[in-house]
Amino acid sequence: SGVYNAKFRPIMATNEIWVSWDSNTLITAVVIFLLMHLGLGIYLSNAMGYVVGIVFSFIANTIFTFTQPISINRLIKFLCVCFICYVANIIVIKIFFVFMPEKIYSAQILGMFTYTITGFILNKFWAMN
């Protein structure tokens, strides 16, 4: 049983990471795109989507992805990571609009991709470590 767990744990961990992040990305995207569709501005929709996503992400990443206990120290570090990722997301969106200002949904998707990759790296090596 110990050999089985040791052998297959990396595969299971990878699946848990993708399920957690796919769920978080989907929740964030649905909120952002729904609010944009309802007429809220691009940046307000983006901010509100990320607030919802951050709450879900902290719980999911702490428990499932990085299997760490929830703590105040980890929450503070996680929120710092979220701030850095959010700034990167907005920078990417603003740069995208310089070249294609009419592609508002594509800009959001590229910003979300940037946020997700930056968040994984910073959480893995700092916030959840």
N, C-alpha and C. Protein backbone atom coordinates (compact mmCIF):
# COMPACT_ATOMS: atom_id res chain seq x y z
N SER A 1 0.82 -1.20 0.00
CA SER A 1 0.00 0.00 0.00
C SER A 1 0.86 1.26 0.00
N GLY A 2 1.96 1.26 0.80
CA GLY A 2 2.86 2.41 0.84
C GLY A 2 3.51 2.66 -0.51
N VAL A 3 3.88 1.58 -1.21
CA VAL A 3 4.50 1.72 -2.53
C VAL A 3 3.49 2.29 -3.51
N TYR A 4 2.26 1.83 -3.44
CA TYR A 4 1.21 2.34 -4.32
C TYR A 4 1.02 3.83 -4.12
N ASN A 5 0.89 4.26 -2.88
CA ASN A 5 0.69 5.68 -2.60
C ASN A 5 1.87 6.51 -3.06
N ALA A 6 3.09 6.06 -2.77
CA ALA A 6 4.28 6.81 -3.16
C ALA A 6 4.40 6.89 -4.68
N LYS A 7 4.05 5.80 -5.35
CA LYS A 7 4.20 5.74 -6.80
C LYS A 7 3.17 6.62 -7.52
N PHE A 8 1.94 6.65 -7.04
CA PHE A 8 0.88 7.35 -7.74
C PHE A 8 0.53 8.71 -7.15
N ARG A 9 1.10 9.10 -6.03
CA ARG A 9 0.78 10.38 -5.41
C ARG A 9 1.08 11.57 -6.32
N PRO A 10 2.23 11.60 -7.07
CA PRO A 10 2.46 12.75 -7.95
C PRO A 10 1.38 12.91 -9.02
N ILE A 11 0.88 11.80 -9.55
CA ILE A 11 -0.18 11.87 -10.55
C ILE A 11 -1.45 12.42 -9.92
N MET A 12 -1.79 11.92 -8.73
CA MET A 12 -2.99 12.41 -8.05
C MET A 12 -2.84 13.88 -7.70
N ALA A 13 -1.67 14.30 -7.24
CA ALA A 13 -1.45 15.70 -6.88
C ALA A 13 -1.62 16.59 -8.10
N THR A 14 -1.11 16.15 -9.24
CA THR A 14 -1.24 16.92 -10.46
C THR A 14 -2.71 17.08 -10.83
N ASN A 15 -3.48 16.00 -10.71
CA ASN A 15 -4.91 16.08 -11.00
C ASN A 15 -5.61 17.04 -10.04
N GLU A 16 -5.25 17.00 -8.76
CA GLU A 16 -5.87 17.90 -7.79
C GLU A 16 -5.55 19.36 -8.10
N ILE A 17 -4.31 19.64 -8.53
CA ILE A 17 -3.93 21.00 -8.91
C ILE A 17 -4.80 21.48 -10.05
N TRP A 18 -4.94 20.66 -11.10
CA TRP A 18 -5.70 21.09 -12.26
C TRP A 18 -7.18 21.22 -11.95
N VAL A 19 -7.73 20.32 -11.13
CA VAL A 19 -9.15 20.43 -10.76
C VAL A 19 -9.37 21.71 -9.96
N SER A 20 -8.48 21.98 -9.01
CA SER A 20 -8.60 23.20 -8.21
C SER A 20 -8.50 24.44 -9.09
N TRP A 21 -7.51 24.49 -9.96
CA TRP A 21 -7.30 25.67 -10.78
C TRP A 21 -8.33 25.79 -11.88
N ASP A 22 -8.74 24.68 -12.47
CA ASP A 22 -9.79 24.74 -13.47
C ASP A 22 -11.08 25.27 -12.86
N SER A 23 -11.40 24.78 -11.67
CA SER A 23 -12.61 25.25 -10.98
C SER A 23 -12.50 26.72 -10.65
N ASN A 24 -11.35 27.14 -10.13
CA ASN A 24 -11.16 28.54 -9.77
C ASN A 24 -11.21 29.44 -11.01
N THR A 25 -10.55 29.03 -12.07
CA THR A 25 -10.56 29.81 -13.30
C THR A 25 -11.96 29.90 -13.87
N LEU A 26 -12.69 28.80 -13.85
CA LEU A 26 -14.06 28.80 -14.35
C LEU A 26 -14.95 29.72 -13.52
N ILE A 27 -14.86 29.65 -12.21
CA ILE A 27 -15.68 30.51 -11.34
C ILE A 27 -15.34 31.98 -11.60
N THR A 28 -14.05 32.29 -11.64
CA THR A 28 -13.62 33.67 -11.89
C THR A 28 -14.11 34.16 -13.25
N ALA A 29 -13.94 33.34 -14.28
CA ALA A 29 -14.35 33.72 -15.63
C ALA A 29 -15.86 33.94 -15.72
N VAL A 30 -16.63 33.05 -15.12
CA VAL A 30 -18.09 33.19 -15.17
C VAL A 30 -18.51 34.51 -14.52
N VAL A 31 -17.95 34.82 -13.37
CA VAL A 31 -18.31 36.08 -12.70
C VAL A 31 -17.90 37.28 -13.57
N ILE A 32 -16.66 37.27 -14.07
CA ILE A 32 -16.19 38.39 -14.90
C ILE A 32 -17.06 38.58 -16.13
N PHE A 33 -17.25 37.50 -16.89
CA PHE A 33 -17.99 37.62 -18.15
C PHE A 33 -19.47 37.92 -17.93
N LEU A 34 -20.05 37.38 -16.87
CA LEU A 34 -21.44 37.69 -16.55
C LEU A 34 -21.60 39.18 -16.22
N LEU A 35 -20.71 39.70 -15.40
CA LEU A 35 -20.80 41.12 -15.03
C LEU A 35 -20.53 42.02 -16.23
N MET A 36 -19.60 41.63 -17.10
CA MET A 36 -19.38 42.41 -18.33
C MET A 36 -20.62 42.39 -19.21
N HIS A 37 -21.23 41.22 -19.32
CA HIS A 37 -22.44 41.08 -20.13
C HIS A 37 -23.58 41.94 -19.57
N LEU A 38 -23.61 42.08 -18.24
CA LEU A 38 -24.65 42.89 -17.60
C LEU A 38 -24.35 44.39 -17.65
N GLY A 39 -23.21 44.75 -18.23
CA GLY A 39 -22.91 46.15 -18.45
C GLY A 39 -21.92 46.78 -17.48
N LEU A 40 -21.39 46.02 -16.54
CA LEU A 40 -20.37 46.58 -15.67
C LEU A 40 -19.10 46.79 -16.48
N GLY A 41 -18.28 47.69 -16.07
CA GLY A 41 -17.04 47.98 -16.78
C GLY A 41 -16.08 46.81 -16.75
N ILE A 42 -15.13 46.86 -17.64
CA ILE A 42 -14.15 45.79 -17.78
C ILE A 42 -13.37 45.59 -16.48
N TYR A 43 -12.88 46.68 -15.90
CA TYR A 43 -12.03 46.56 -14.72
C TYR A 43 -12.81 46.25 -13.45
N LEU A 44 -14.02 46.79 -13.32
CA LEU A 44 -14.85 46.46 -12.15
C LEU A 44 -15.28 45.00 -12.21
N SER A 45 -15.66 44.52 -13.38
CA SER A 45 -16.01 43.11 -13.55
C SER A 45 -14.82 42.23 -13.21
N ASN A 46 -13.65 42.63 -13.67
CA ASN A 46 -12.42 41.88 -13.40
C ASN A 46 -12.15 41.83 -11.91
N ALA A 47 -12.24 42.95 -11.23
CA ALA A 47 -11.97 43.00 -9.79
C ALA A 47 -12.95 42.14 -9.01
N MET A 48 -14.22 42.23 -9.34
CA MET A 48 -15.23 41.45 -8.62
C MET A 48 -15.06 39.95 -8.87
N GLY A 49 -14.73 39.59 -10.10
CA GLY A 49 -14.47 38.18 -10.41
C GLY A 49 -13.31 37.64 -9.61
N TYR A 50 -12.28 38.44 -9.46
CA TYR A 50 -11.11 38.00 -8.70
C TYR A 50 -11.37 37.94 -7.20
N VAL A 51 -12.22 38.79 -6.68
CA VAL A 51 -12.56 38.69 -5.25
C VAL A 51 -13.22 37.33 -4.98
N VAL A 52 -14.17 36.96 -5.82
CA VAL A 52 -14.83 35.66 -5.68
C VAL A 52 -13.81 34.54 -5.86
N GLY A 53 -12.98 34.66 -6.89
CA GLY A 53 -11.99 33.63 -7.17
C GLY A 53 -10.95 33.48 -6.07
N ILE A 54 -10.55 34.59 -5.45
CA ILE A 54 -9.53 34.55 -4.40
C ILE A 54 -10.03 33.77 -3.18
N VAL A 55 -11.26 34.01 -2.79
CA VAL A 55 -11.82 33.27 -1.64
C VAL A 55 -11.83 31.78 -1.93
N PHE A 56 -12.37 31.42 -3.09
CA PHE A 56 -12.41 30.00 -3.46
C PHE A 56 -11.00 29.43 -3.57
N SER A 57 -10.11 30.17 -4.21
CA SER A 57 -8.75 29.69 -4.46
C SER A 57 -7.98 29.44 -3.18
N PHE A 58 -8.09 30.32 -2.20
CA PHE A 58 -7.35 30.12 -0.95
C PHE A 58 -7.76 28.81 -0.28
N ILE A 59 -9.05 28.59 -0.21
CA ILE A 59 -9.54 27.36 0.43
C ILE A 59 -9.12 26.13 -0.38
N ALA A 60 -9.36 26.16 -1.68
CA ALA A 60 -9.05 25.00 -2.52
C ALA A 60 -7.55 24.72 -2.58
N ASN A 61 -6.75 25.76 -2.77
CA ASN A 61 -5.30 25.56 -2.87
C ASN A 61 -4.69 25.13 -1.55
N THR A 62 -5.17 25.69 -0.45
CA THR A 62 -4.62 25.31 0.85
C THR A 62 -4.93 23.85 1.17
N ILE A 63 -6.16 23.46 0.98
CA ILE A 63 -6.59 22.12 1.38
C ILE A 63 -6.22 21.05 0.35
N PHE A 64 -6.47 21.32 -0.93
CA PHE A 64 -6.32 20.27 -1.94
C PHE A 64 -5.00 20.33 -2.70
N THR A 65 -4.61 21.49 -3.18
CA THR A 65 -3.43 21.57 -4.04
C THR A 65 -2.15 21.40 -3.26
N PHE A 66 -2.00 22.17 -2.18
CA PHE A 66 -0.74 22.16 -1.43
C PHE A 66 -0.87 21.41 -0.11
N THR A 67 -2.02 20.89 0.20
CA THR A 67 -2.31 20.11 1.42
C THR A 67 -1.65 20.69 2.66
N GLN A 68 -1.93 21.94 2.91
CA GLN A 68 -1.41 22.64 4.08
C GLN A 68 -2.57 23.06 4.97
N PRO A 69 -2.33 23.16 6.28
CA PRO A 69 -3.40 23.67 7.15
C PRO A 69 -3.62 25.16 6.89
N ILE A 70 -4.85 25.60 7.04
CA ILE A 70 -5.17 27.02 6.88
C ILE A 70 -4.59 27.77 8.08
N SER A 71 -3.86 28.86 7.81
CA SER A 71 -3.29 29.67 8.88
C SER A 71 -3.30 31.14 8.47
N ILE A 72 -3.21 32.02 9.46
CA ILE A 72 -3.19 33.46 9.19
C ILE A 72 -1.95 33.84 8.39
N ASN A 73 -0.80 33.28 8.76
CA ASN A 73 0.43 33.58 8.04
C ASN A 73 0.32 33.19 6.57
N ARG A 74 -0.22 32.01 6.31
CA ARG A 74 -0.39 31.54 4.93
C ARG A 74 -1.41 32.43 4.19
N LEU A 75 -2.46 32.86 4.88
CA LEU A 75 -3.46 33.75 4.27
C LEU A 75 -2.83 35.08 3.87
N ILE A 76 -2.03 35.66 4.75
CA ILE A 76 -1.38 36.94 4.45
C ILE A 76 -0.45 36.80 3.24
N LYS A 77 0.34 35.75 3.22
CA LYS A 77 1.23 35.51 2.09
C LYS A 77 0.42 35.28 0.81
N PHE A 78 -0.66 34.51 0.93
CA PHE A 78 -1.53 34.24 -0.22
C PHE A 78 -2.13 35.54 -0.77
N LEU A 79 -2.57 36.42 0.11
CA LEU A 79 -3.15 37.70 -0.33
C LEU A 79 -2.09 38.57 -1.00
N CYS A 80 -0.86 38.53 -0.52
CA CYS A 80 0.24 39.25 -1.19
C CYS A 80 0.44 38.71 -2.60
N VAL A 81 0.42 37.38 -2.73
CA VAL A 81 0.54 36.76 -4.05
C VAL A 81 -0.62 37.20 -4.94
N CYS A 82 -1.82 37.20 -4.41
CA CYS A 82 -2.99 37.62 -5.19
C CYS A 82 -2.84 39.05 -5.69
N PHE A 83 -2.32 39.93 -4.83
CA PHE A 83 -2.12 41.32 -5.22
C PHE A 83 -1.12 41.41 -6.38
N ILE A 84 -0.01 40.72 -6.26
CA ILE A 84 1.01 40.72 -7.32
C ILE A 84 0.43 40.18 -8.62
N CYS A 85 -0.31 39.07 -8.52
CA CYS A 85 -0.92 38.45 -9.70
C CYS A 85 -1.96 39.37 -10.32
N TYR A 86 -2.73 40.04 -9.48
CA TYR A 86 -3.77 40.93 -9.99
C TYR A 86 -3.15 42.10 -10.76
N VAL A 87 -2.07 42.66 -10.21
CA VAL A 87 -1.37 43.75 -10.90
C VAL A 87 -0.84 43.25 -12.24
N ALA A 88 -0.24 42.06 -12.26
CA ALA A 88 0.26 41.48 -13.53
C ALA A 88 -0.90 41.31 -14.52
N ASN A 89 -2.04 40.84 -14.04
CA ASN A 89 -3.24 40.66 -14.85
C ASN A 89 -3.66 41.98 -15.48
N ILE A 90 -3.73 43.04 -14.71
CA ILE A 90 -4.17 44.35 -15.22
C ILE A 90 -3.15 44.90 -16.22
N ILE A 91 -1.86 44.74 -15.93
CA ILE A 91 -0.83 45.21 -16.86
C ILE A 91 -0.97 44.51 -18.21
N VAL A 92 -1.18 43.19 -18.18
CA VAL A 92 -1.34 42.44 -19.43
C VAL A 92 -2.58 42.91 -20.19
N ILE A 93 -3.67 43.12 -19.48
CA ILE A 93 -4.90 43.60 -20.13
C ILE A 93 -4.67 44.96 -20.78
N LYS A 94 -4.05 45.87 -20.05
CA LYS A 94 -3.80 47.22 -20.58
C LYS A 94 -2.88 47.17 -21.81
N ILE A 95 -1.85 46.35 -21.76
CA ILE A 95 -0.95 46.21 -22.92
C ILE A 95 -1.71 45.61 -24.10
N PHE A 96 -2.54 44.60 -23.84
CA PHE A 96 -3.34 43.97 -24.89
C PHE A 96 -4.23 45.00 -25.58
N PHE A 97 -4.84 45.90 -24.79
CA PHE A 97 -5.74 46.92 -25.35
C PHE A 97 -5.02 47.93 -26.24
N VAL A 98 -3.72 48.09 -26.06
CA VAL A 98 -2.96 48.98 -26.94
C VAL A 98 -3.02 48.45 -28.37
N PHE A 99 -2.96 47.13 -28.50
CA PHE A 99 -2.92 46.51 -29.82
C PHE A 99 -4.29 46.10 -30.35
N MET A 100 -5.19 45.68 -29.45
CA MET A 100 -6.52 45.21 -29.88
C MET A 100 -7.58 45.69 -28.88
N PRO A 101 -7.92 46.96 -28.91
CA PRO A 101 -8.85 47.50 -27.91
C PRO A 101 -10.27 46.93 -27.98
N GLU A 102 -10.65 46.38 -29.10
CA GLU A 102 -12.00 45.85 -29.24
C GLU A 102 -12.16 44.42 -28.72
N LYS A 103 -11.09 43.75 -28.42
CA LYS A 103 -11.11 42.33 -28.00
C LYS A 103 -11.15 42.22 -26.48
N ILE A 104 -12.27 42.66 -25.88
CA ILE A 104 -12.33 42.73 -24.42
C ILE A 104 -12.32 41.36 -23.75
N TYR A 105 -12.96 40.38 -24.35
CA TYR A 105 -12.98 39.04 -23.75
C TYR A 105 -11.63 38.35 -23.90
N SER A 106 -10.98 38.53 -25.03
CA SER A 106 -9.64 37.96 -25.22
C SER A 106 -8.65 38.57 -24.23
N ALA A 107 -8.78 39.85 -23.98
CA ALA A 107 -7.91 40.52 -23.01
C ALA A 107 -8.09 39.91 -21.61
N GLN A 108 -9.33 39.66 -21.24
CA GLN A 108 -9.61 39.06 -19.93
C GLN A 108 -9.00 37.66 -19.84
N ILE A 109 -9.13 36.88 -20.88
CA ILE A 109 -8.59 35.52 -20.88
C ILE A 109 -7.07 35.55 -20.76
N LEU A 110 -6.42 36.42 -21.49
CA LEU A 110 -4.96 36.52 -21.41
C LEU A 110 -4.53 37.00 -20.01
N GLY A 111 -5.29 37.93 -19.44
CA GLY A 111 -5.01 38.38 -18.08
C GLY A 111 -5.18 37.26 -17.07
N MET A 112 -6.20 36.44 -17.24
CA MET A 112 -6.43 35.31 -16.34
C MET A 112 -5.31 34.28 -16.46
N PHE A 113 -4.85 34.05 -17.67
CA PHE A 113 -3.74 33.11 -17.88
C PHE A 113 -2.49 33.61 -17.14
N THR A 114 -2.22 34.89 -17.27
CA THR A 114 -1.06 35.49 -16.59
C THR A 114 -1.20 35.36 -15.08
N TYR A 115 -2.39 35.66 -14.57
CA TYR A 115 -2.65 35.55 -13.14
C TYR A 115 -2.43 34.12 -12.65
N THR A 116 -2.95 33.16 -13.37
CA THR A 116 -2.87 31.76 -12.97
C THR A 116 -1.43 31.25 -12.93
N ILE A 117 -0.67 31.52 -13.97
CA ILE A 117 0.72 31.05 -14.01
C ILE A 117 1.55 31.73 -12.93
N THR A 118 1.42 33.03 -12.80
CA THR A 118 2.15 33.77 -11.77
C THR A 118 1.76 33.27 -10.38
N GLY A 119 0.47 33.05 -10.17
CA GLY A 119 -0.02 32.57 -8.88
C GLY A 119 0.51 31.20 -8.53
N PHE A 120 0.55 30.30 -9.49
CA PHE A 120 1.07 28.96 -9.22
C PHE A 120 2.52 29.03 -8.75
N ILE A 121 3.33 29.76 -9.49
CA ILE A 121 4.76 29.84 -9.15
C ILE A 121 4.96 30.46 -7.77
N LEU A 122 4.33 31.59 -7.50
CA LEU A 122 4.52 32.27 -6.21
C LEU A 122 3.93 31.47 -5.05
N ASN A 123 2.80 30.83 -5.26
CA ASN A 123 2.22 30.01 -4.19
C ASN A 123 3.06 28.78 -3.91
N LYS A 124 3.49 28.12 -4.97
CA LYS A 124 4.28 26.89 -4.79
C LYS A 124 5.59 27.15 -4.06
N PHE A 125 6.28 28.21 -4.42
CA PHE A 125 7.60 28.42 -3.88
C PHE A 125 7.67 29.40 -2.70
N TRP A 126 6.55 30.05 -2.38
CA TRP A 126 6.61 30.99 -1.27
C TRP A 126 5.39 30.90 -0.34
N ALA A 127 4.22 31.24 -0.82
CA ALA A 127 3.06 31.39 0.07
C ALA A 127 2.62 30.09 0.73
N MET A 128 2.61 29.01 -0.01
CA MET A 128 2.13 27.74 0.54
C MET A 128 3.28 26.82 0.95
N ASN A 129 4.46 27.34 0.99
CA ASN A 129 5.64 26.55 1.32
C ASN A 129 5.91 26.57 2.81
